[in-house]
PDB file of N, CA and C in Angstrom:
ATOM      1  N   MET A   1       0.821  -1.192   0.000  1.00  0.00           N
ATOM      2  CA  MET A   1       0.000   0.000   0.000  1.00  0.00           C
ATOM      3  C   MET A   1       0.864   1.253   0.000  1.00  0.00           C
ATOM      4  N   ALA A   2       2.013   1.190   0.668  1.00  0.00           N
ATOM      5  CA  ALA A   2       2.884   2.351   0.718  1.00  0.00           C
ATOM      6  C   ALA A   2       3.408   2.698  -0.674  1.00  0.00           C
ATOM      7  N   THR A   3       3.759   1.679  -1.452  1.00  0.00           N
ATOM      8  CA  THR A   3       4.252   1.965  -2.806  1.00  0.00           C
ATOM      9  C   THR A   3       3.134   2.541  -3.668  1.00  0.00           C
ATOM     10  N   HIS A   4       1.902   2.117  -3.444  1.00  0.00           N
ATOM     11  CA  HIS A   4       0.768   2.660  -4.196  1.00  0.00           C
ATOM     12  C   HIS A   4       0.623   4.156  -3.917  1.00  0.00           C
ATOM     13  N   LYS A   5       0.786   4.550  -2.662  1.00  0.00           N
ATOM     14  CA  LYS A   5       0.690   5.967  -2.296  1.00  0.00           C
ATOM     15  C   LYS A   5       1.805   6.779  -2.951  1.00  0.00           C
ATOM     16  N   ILE A   6       3.008   6.199  -2.965  1.00  0.00           N
ATOM     17  CA  ILE A   6       4.142   6.902  -3.584  1.00  0.00           C
ATOM     18  C   ILE A   6       3.881   7.093  -5.074  1.00  0.00           C
ATOM     19  N   CYS A   7       3.427   6.039  -5.736  1.00  0.00           N
ATOM     20  CA  CYS A   7       3.171   6.130  -7.177  1.00  0.00           C
ATOM     21  C   CYS A   7       2.011   7.080  -7.473  1.00  0.00           C
ATOM     22  N   ALA A   8       0.987   7.055  -6.654  1.00  0.00           N
ATOM     23  CA  ALA A   8      -0.149   7.957  -6.853  1.00  0.00           C
ATOM     24  C   ALA A   8       0.302   9.397  -6.731  1.00  0.00           C
ATOM     25  N   SER A   9       1.140   9.665  -5.755  1.00  0.00           N
ATOM     26  CA  SER A   9       1.639  11.018  -5.562  1.00  0.00           C
ATOM     27  C   SER A   9       2.513  11.456  -6.735  1.00  0.00           C
ATOM     28  N   CYS A  10       3.382  10.583  -7.172  1.00  0.00           N
ATOM     29  CA  CYS A  10       4.305  10.910  -8.268  1.00  0.00           C
ATOM     30  C   CYS A  10       3.569  11.146  -9.577  1.00  0.00           C
ATOM     31  N   SER A  11       2.528  10.332  -9.840  1.00  0.00           N
ATOM     32  CA  SER A  11       1.812  10.436 -11.111  1.00  0.00           C
ATOM     33  C   SER A  11       0.584  11.342 -11.044  1.00  0.00           C
ATOM     34  N   SER A  12       0.377  11.978  -9.890  1.00  0.00           N
ATOM     35  CA  SER A  12      -0.788  12.848  -9.680  1.00  0.00           C
ATOM     36  C   SER A  12      -2.096  12.108  -9.957  1.00  0.00           C
ATOM     37  N   THR A  13      -2.158  10.868  -9.479  1.00  0.00           N
ATOM     38  CA  THR A  13      -3.335  10.029  -9.654  1.00  0.00           C
ATOM     39  C   THR A  13      -4.059   9.929  -8.319  1.00  0.00           C
ATOM     40  N   PRO A  14      -5.387  10.040  -8.299  1.00  0.00           N
ATOM     41  CA  PRO A  14      -6.112   9.837  -7.038  1.00  0.00           C
ATOM     42  C   PRO A  14      -5.835   8.438  -6.491  1.00  0.00           C
ATOM     43  N   LEU A  15      -5.819   8.298  -5.161  1.00  0.00           N
ATOM     44  CA  LEU A  15      -5.476   7.026  -4.521  1.00  0.00           C
ATOM     45  C   LEU A  15      -6.372   5.869  -4.942  1.00  0.00           C
ATOM     46  N   ASN A  16      -7.625   6.129  -5.241  1.00  0.00           N
ATOM     47  CA  ASN A  16      -8.556   5.056  -5.592  1.00  0.00           C
ATOM     48  C   ASN A  16      -8.493   4.647  -7.057  1.00  0.00           C
ATOM     49  N   ASP A  17      -7.780   5.398  -7.877  1.00  0.00           N
ATOM     50  CA  ASP A  17      -7.688   5.091  -9.302  1.00  0.00           C
ATOM     51  C   ASP A  17      -6.521   4.165  -9.585  1.00  0.00           C
ATOM     52  N   ARG A  18      -6.624   3.469 -10.699  1.00  0.00           N
ATOM     53  CA  ARG A  18      -5.529   2.608 -11.142  1.00  0.00           C
ATOM     54  C   ARG A  18      -4.386   3.492 -11.622  1.00  0.00           C
ATOM     55  N   ILE A  19      -3.186   3.145 -11.244  1.00  0.00           N
ATOM     56  CA  ILE A  19      -2.022   3.941 -11.604  1.00  0.00           C
ATOM     57  C   ILE A  19      -1.444   3.424 -12.907  1.00  0.00           C
ATOM     58  N   LEU A  20      -1.357   4.294 -13.861  1.00  0.00           N
ATOM     59  CA  LEU A  20      -0.781   3.956 -15.162  1.00  0.00           C
ATOM     60  C   LEU A  20       0.585   4.623 -15.250  1.00  0.00           C
ATOM     61  N   CYS A  21       1.601   3.879 -14.894  1.00  0.00           N
ATOM     62  CA  CYS A  21       2.962   4.403 -14.895  1.00  0.00           C
ATOM     63  C   CYS A  21       3.819   3.508 -15.775  1.00  0.00           C
ATOM     64  N   ASP A  22       4.681   4.116 -16.560  1.00  0.00           N
ATOM     65  CA  ASP A  22       5.566   3.331 -17.413  1.00  0.00           C
ATOM     66  C   ASP A  22       7.017   3.783 -17.285  1.00  0.00           C
ATOM     67  N   SER A  23       7.354   4.340 -16.145  1.00  0.00           N
ATOM     68  CA  SER A  23       8.712   4.792 -15.897  1.00  0.00           C
ATOM     69  C   SER A  23       9.594   3.578 -15.590  1.00  0.00           C
ATOM     70  N   VAL A  24      10.318   3.119 -16.590  1.00  0.00           N
ATOM     71  CA  VAL A  24      11.076   1.875 -16.445  1.00  0.00           C
ATOM     72  C   VAL A  24      12.278   2.006 -15.514  1.00  0.00           C
ATOM     73  N   ASP A  25      12.692   3.198 -15.188  1.00  0.00           N
ATOM     74  CA  ASP A  25      13.835   3.353 -14.293  1.00  0.00           C
ATOM     75  C   ASP A  25      13.414   3.681 -12.853  1.00  0.00           C
ATOM     76  N   CYS A  26      12.146   3.523 -12.540  1.00  0.00           N
ATOM     77  CA  CYS A  26      11.628   3.836 -11.203  1.00  0.00           C
ATOM     78  C   CYS A  26      11.716   2.604 -10.303  1.00  0.00           C
ATOM     79  N   PRO A  27      12.461   2.673  -9.201  1.00  0.00           N
ATOM     80  CA  PRO A  27      12.571   1.515  -8.313  1.00  0.00           C
ATOM     81  C   PRO A  27      11.249   1.173  -7.617  1.00  0.00           C
ATOM     82  N   VAL A  28      10.390   2.158  -7.420  1.00  0.00           N
ATOM     83  CA  VAL A  28       9.101   1.899  -6.788  1.00  0.00           C
ATOM     84  C   VAL A  28       8.208   1.100  -7.740  1.00  0.00           C
ATOM     85  N   LEU A  29       8.176   1.485  -9.000  1.00  0.00           N
ATOM     86  CA  LEU A  29       7.398   0.736  -9.988  1.00  0.00           C
ATOM     87  C   LEU A  29       7.926  -0.689 -10.091  1.00  0.00           C
ATOM     88  N   TYR A  30       9.239  -0.848 -10.083  1.00  0.00           N
ATOM     89  CA  TYR A  30       9.825  -2.186 -10.139  1.00  0.00           C
ATOM     90  C   TYR A  30       9.353  -3.014  -8.950  1.00  0.00           C
ATOM     91  N   SER A  31       9.329  -2.434  -7.756  1.00  0.00           N
ATOM     92  CA  SER A  31       8.878  -3.143  -6.557  1.00  0.00           C
ATOM     93  C   SER A  31       7.415  -3.542  -6.675  1.00  0.00           C
ATOM     94  N   ARG A  32       6.587  -2.650  -7.196  1.00  0.00           N
ATOM     95  CA  ARG A  32       5.164  -2.949  -7.353  1.00  0.00           C
ATOM     96  C   ARG A  32       4.956  -4.088  -8.337  1.00  0.00           C
ATOM     97  N   VAL A  33       5.655  -4.048  -9.450  1.00  0.00           N
ATOM     98  CA  VAL A  33       5.514  -5.087 -10.475  1.00  0.00           C
ATOM     99  C   VAL A  33       6.006  -6.427  -9.933  1.00  0.00           C
ATOM    100  N   GLN A  34       7.129  -6.407  -9.221  1.00  0.00           N
ATOM    101  CA  GLN A  34       7.672  -7.642  -8.658  1.00  0.00           C
ATOM    102  C   GLN A  34       6.717  -8.226  -7.623  1.00  0.00           C
ATOM    103  N   ALA A  35       6.131  -7.393  -6.791  1.00  0.00           N
ATOM    104  CA  ALA A  35       5.178  -7.872  -5.788  1.00  0.00           C
ATOM    105  C   ALA A  35       3.947  -8.477  -6.459  1.00  0.00           C
ATOM    106  N   GLN A  36       3.468  -7.851  -7.533  1.00  0.00           N
ATOM    107  CA  GLN A  36       2.311  -8.386  -8.251  1.00  0.00           C
ATOM    108  C   GLN A  36       2.630  -9.745  -8.867  1.00  0.00           C
ATOM    109  N   ARG A  37       3.827  -9.886  -9.414  1.00  0.00           N
ATOM    110  CA  ARG A  37       4.230 -11.179  -9.984  1.00  0.00           C
ATOM    111  C   ARG A  37       4.328 -12.243  -8.902  1.00  0.00           C
ATOM    112  N   ASP A  38       4.839 -11.865  -7.724  1.00  0.00           N
ATOM    113  CA  ASP A  38       4.926 -12.819  -6.614  1.00  0.00           C
ATOM    114  C   ASP A  38       3.542 -13.302  -6.207  1.00  0.00           C
ATOM    115  N   VAL A  39       2.578 -12.394  -6.157  1.00  0.00           N
ATOM    116  CA  VAL A  39       1.206 -12.754  -5.800  1.00  0.00           C
ATOM    117  C   VAL A  39       0.630 -13.708  -6.842  1.00  0.00           C
ATOM    118  N   GLU A  40       0.859 -13.423  -8.115  1.00  0.00           N
ATOM    119  CA  GLU A  40       0.364 -14.296  -9.183  1.00  0.00           C
ATOM    120  C   GLU A  40       1.011 -15.673  -9.102  1.00  0.00           C
ATOM    121  N   ASP A  41       2.319 -15.718  -8.807  1.00  0.00           N
ATOM    122  CA  ASP A  41       3.017 -17.000  -8.677  1.00  0.00           C
ATOM    123  C   ASP A  41       2.450 -17.811  -7.523  1.00  0.00           C
ATOM    124  N   LEU A  42       2.182 -17.149  -6.401  1.00  0.00           N
ATOM    125  CA  LEU A  42       1.611 -17.849  -5.251  1.00  0.00           C
ATOM    126  C   LEU A  42       0.220 -18.390  -5.564  1.00  0.00           C
ATOM    127  N   ALA A  43      -0.546 -17.639  -6.321  1.00  0.00           N
ATOM    128  CA  ALA A  43      -1.876 -18.108  -6.707  1.00  0.00           C
ATOM    129  C   ALA A  43      -1.754 -19.363  -7.583  1.00  0.00           C
ATOM    130  N   ASP A  44      -0.772 -19.372  -8.479  1.00  0.00           N
ATOM    131  CA  ASP A  44      -0.542 -20.550  -9.317  1.00  0.00           C
ATOM    132  C   ASP A  44      -0.150 -21.761  -8.469  1.00  0.00           C
ATOM    133  N   VAL A  45       0.719 -21.551  -7.488  1.00  0.00           N
ATOM    134  CA  VAL A  45       1.149 -22.639  -6.611  1.00  0.00           C
ATOM    135  C   VAL A  45      -0.036 -23.162  -5.809  1.00  0.00           C
ATOM    136  N   GLN A  46      -0.859 -22.257  -5.284  1.00  0.00           N
ATOM    137  CA  GLN A  46      -2.041 -22.683  -4.535  1.00  0.00           C
ATOM    138  C   GLN A  46      -2.969 -23.527  -5.402  1.00  0.00           C
ATOM    139  N   GLY A  47      -3.163 -23.106  -6.629  1.00  0.00           N
ATOM    140  CA  GLY A  47      -4.019 -23.862  -7.543  1.00  0.00           C
ATOM    141  C   GLY A  47      -3.468 -25.251  -7.808  1.00  0.00           C
ATOM    142  N   THR A  48      -2.174 -25.340  -8.025  1.00  0.00           N
ATOM    143  CA  THR A  48      -1.537 -26.632  -8.279  1.00  0.00           C
ATOM    144  C   THR A  48      -1.649 -27.543  -7.062  1.00  0.00           C
ATOM    145  N   LEU A  49      -1.385 -26.996  -5.879  1.00  0.00           N
ATOM    146  CA  LEU A  49      -1.500 -27.802  -4.664  1.00  0.00           C
ATOM    147  C   LEU A  49      -2.932 -28.265  -4.443  1.00  0.00           C
ATOM    148  N   GLY A  50      -3.881 -27.420  -4.742  1.00  0.00           N
ATOM    149  CA  GLY A  50      -5.287 -27.806  -4.608  1.00  0.00           C
ATOM    150  C   GLY A  50      -5.639 -28.952  -5.533  1.00  0.00           C
ATOM    151  N   ARG A  51      -5.160 -28.889  -6.780  1.00  0.00           N
ATOM    152  CA  ARG A  51      -5.428 -29.973  -7.734  1.00  0.00           C
ATOM    153  C   ARG A  51      -4.765 -31.267  -7.284  1.00  0.00           C
ATOM    154  N   LEU A  52      -3.543 -31.175  -6.766  1.00  0.00           N
ATOM    155  CA  LEU A  52      -2.857 -32.380  -6.288  1.00  0.00           C
ATOM    156  C   LEU A  52      -3.580 -32.988  -5.095  1.00  0.00           C
ATOM    157  N   GLU A  53      -4.092 -32.142  -4.225  1.00  0.00           N
ATOM    158  CA  GLU A  53      -4.827 -32.640  -3.062  1.00  0.00           C
ATOM    159  C   GLU A  53      -6.105 -33.348  -3.499  1.00  0.00           C
ATOM    160  N   ILE A  54      -6.792 -32.775  -4.465  1.00  0.00           N
ATOM    161  CA  ILE A  54      -8.018 -33.393  -4.984  1.00  0.00           C
ATOM    162  C   ILE A  54      -7.692 -34.746  -5.612  1.00  0.00           C
ATOM    163  N   GLU A  55      -6.617 -34.801  -6.402  1.00  0.00           N
ATOM    164  CA  GLU A  55      -6.222 -36.064  -7.033  1.00  0.00           C
ATOM    165  C   GLU A  55      -5.873 -37.110  -5.982  1.00  0.00           C
ATOM    166  N   ALA A  56      -5.155 -36.703  -4.945  1.00  0.00           N
ATOM    167  CA  ALA A  56      -4.776 -37.634  -3.885  1.00  0.00           C
ATOM    168  C   ALA A  56      -6.016 -38.145  -3.156  1.00  0.00           C
ATOM    169  N   ASN A  57      -6.954 -37.264  -2.896  1.00  0.00           N
ATOM    170  CA  ASN A  57      -8.192 -37.675  -2.229  1.00  0.00           C
ATOM    171  C   ASN A  57      -9.007 -38.612  -3.109  1.00  0.00           C
ATOM    172  N   ASP A  58      -9.039 -38.334  -4.404  1.00  0.00           N
ATOM    173  CA  ASP A  58      -9.768 -39.208  -5.327  1.00  0.00           C
ATOM    174  C   ASP A  58      -9.142 -40.599  -5.379  1.00  0.00           C
ATOM    175  N   LYS A  59      -7.821 -40.660  -5.413  1.00  0.00           N
ATOM    176  CA  LYS A  59      -7.135 -41.950  -5.445  1.00  0.00           C
ATOM    177  C   LYS A  59      -7.364 -42.718  -4.151  1.00  0.00           C
ATOM    178  N   GLU A  60      -7.329 -42.000  -3.032  1.00  0.00           N
ATOM    179  CA  GLU A  60      -7.553 -42.645  -1.740  1.00  0.00           C
ATOM    180  C   GLU A  60      -8.973 -43.193  -1.653  1.00  0.00           C
ATOM    181  N   ALA A  61      -9.937 -42.423  -2.143  1.00  0.00           N
ATOM    182  CA  ALA A  61     -11.333 -42.865  -2.115  1.00  0.00           C
ATOM    183  C   ALA A  61     -11.548 -44.071  -3.028  1.00  0.00           C
ATOM    184  N   ALA A  62     -10.786 -44.141  -4.117  1.00  0.00           N
ATOM    185  CA  ALA A  62     -10.924 -45.257  -5.050  1.00  0.00           C
ATOM    186  C   ALA A  62     -10.130 -46.477  -4.592  1.00  0.00           C
ATOM    187  N   GLY A  63      -9.342 -46.316  -3.525  1.00  0.00           N
ATOM    188  CA  GLY A  63      -8.567 -47.436  -3.008  1.00  0.00           C
ATOM    189  C   GLY A  63      -7.296 -47.706  -3.777  1.00  0.00           C
ATOM    190  N   GLU A  64      -6.856 -46.764  -4.561  1.00  0.00           N
ATOM    191  CA  GLU A  64      -5.622 -46.947  -5.327  1.00  0.00           C
ATOM    192  C   GLU A  64      -4.423 -46.769  -4.410  1.00  0.00           C
ATOM    193  N   ASP A  65      -3.361 -47.516  -4.692  1.00  0.00           N
ATOM    194  CA  ASP A  65      -2.132 -47.380  -3.921  1.00  0.00           C
ATOM    195  C   ASP A  65      -1.451 -46.073  -4.270  1.00  0.00           C
ATOM    196  N   GLU A  66      -0.735 -45.550  -3.310  1.00  0.00           N
ATOM    197  CA  GLU A  66       0.044 -44.350  -3.578  1.00  0.00           C
ATOM    198  C   GLU A  66       1.237 -44.739  -4.434  1.00  0.00           C
ATOM    199  N   PRO A  67       1.669 -43.873  -5.348  1.00  0.00           N
ATOM    200  CA  PRO A  67       2.751 -44.237  -6.268  1.00  0.00           C
ATOM    201  C   PRO A  67       4.071 -44.533  -5.571  1.00  0.00           C
ATOM    202  N   PHE A  68       4.311 -43.980  -4.393  1.00  0.00           N
ATOM    203  CA  PHE A  68       5.581 -44.182  -3.726  1.00  0.00           C
ATOM    204  C   PHE A  68       5.414 -44.982  -2.431  1.00  0.00           C
ATOM    205  N   ALA A  69       4.364 -45.748  -2.325  1.00  0.00           N
ATOM    206  CA  ALA A  69       4.107 -46.512  -1.123  1.00  0.00           C
ATOM    207  C   ALA A  69       5.205 -47.538  -0.870  1.00  0.00           C
ATOM    208  N   PHE A  70       5.787 -48.106  -1.916  1.00  0.00           N
ATOM    209  CA  PHE A  70       6.808 -49.126  -1.765  1.00  0.00           C
ATOM    210  C   PHE A  70       8.035 -48.584  -1.048  1.00  0.00           C
ATOM    211  N   ALA A  71       8.347 -47.329  -1.192  1.00  0.00           N
ATOM    212  CA  ALA A  71       9.523 -46.753  -0.561  1.00  0.00           C
ATOM    213  C   ALA A  71       9.367 -46.702   0.957  1.00  0.00           C
ATOM    214  N   GLN A  72       8.151 -46.667   1.444  1.00  0.00           N
ATOM    215  CA  GLN A  72       7.904 -46.621   2.877  1.00  0.00           C
ATOM    216  C   GLN A  72       8.161 -47.966   3.528  1.00  0.00           C
ATOM    217  N   ASP A  73       8.137 -49.025   2.774  1.00  0.00           N
ATOM    218  CA  ASP A  73       8.322 -50.359   3.314  1.00  0.00           C
ATOM    219  C   ASP A  73       9.778 -50.681   3.610  1.00  0.00           C
ATOM    220  N   TRP A  74      10.696 -49.927   3.142  1.00  0.00           N
ATOM    221  CA  TRP A  74      12.121 -50.214   3.314  1.00  0.00           C
ATOM    222  C   TRP A  74      12.497 -49.932   4.690  1.00  0.00           C
TER     223      TRP A  74
END
């Protein structure tokens, strides 16, 4: 939120509006873009983990063996 305030002030944009900035040498813009990418990456990871959990639950309900169950027997 702090970077949003800085960018709004710099671009003379109201705080509630979307900031349209294309200053490629601005470290604040770089931080905002990097944070947004991190959030998107985390959302992708959450989605993947959710799908894996569903698949594992489906296999367990169907009585299928886990693919690495044999390694536990050693």
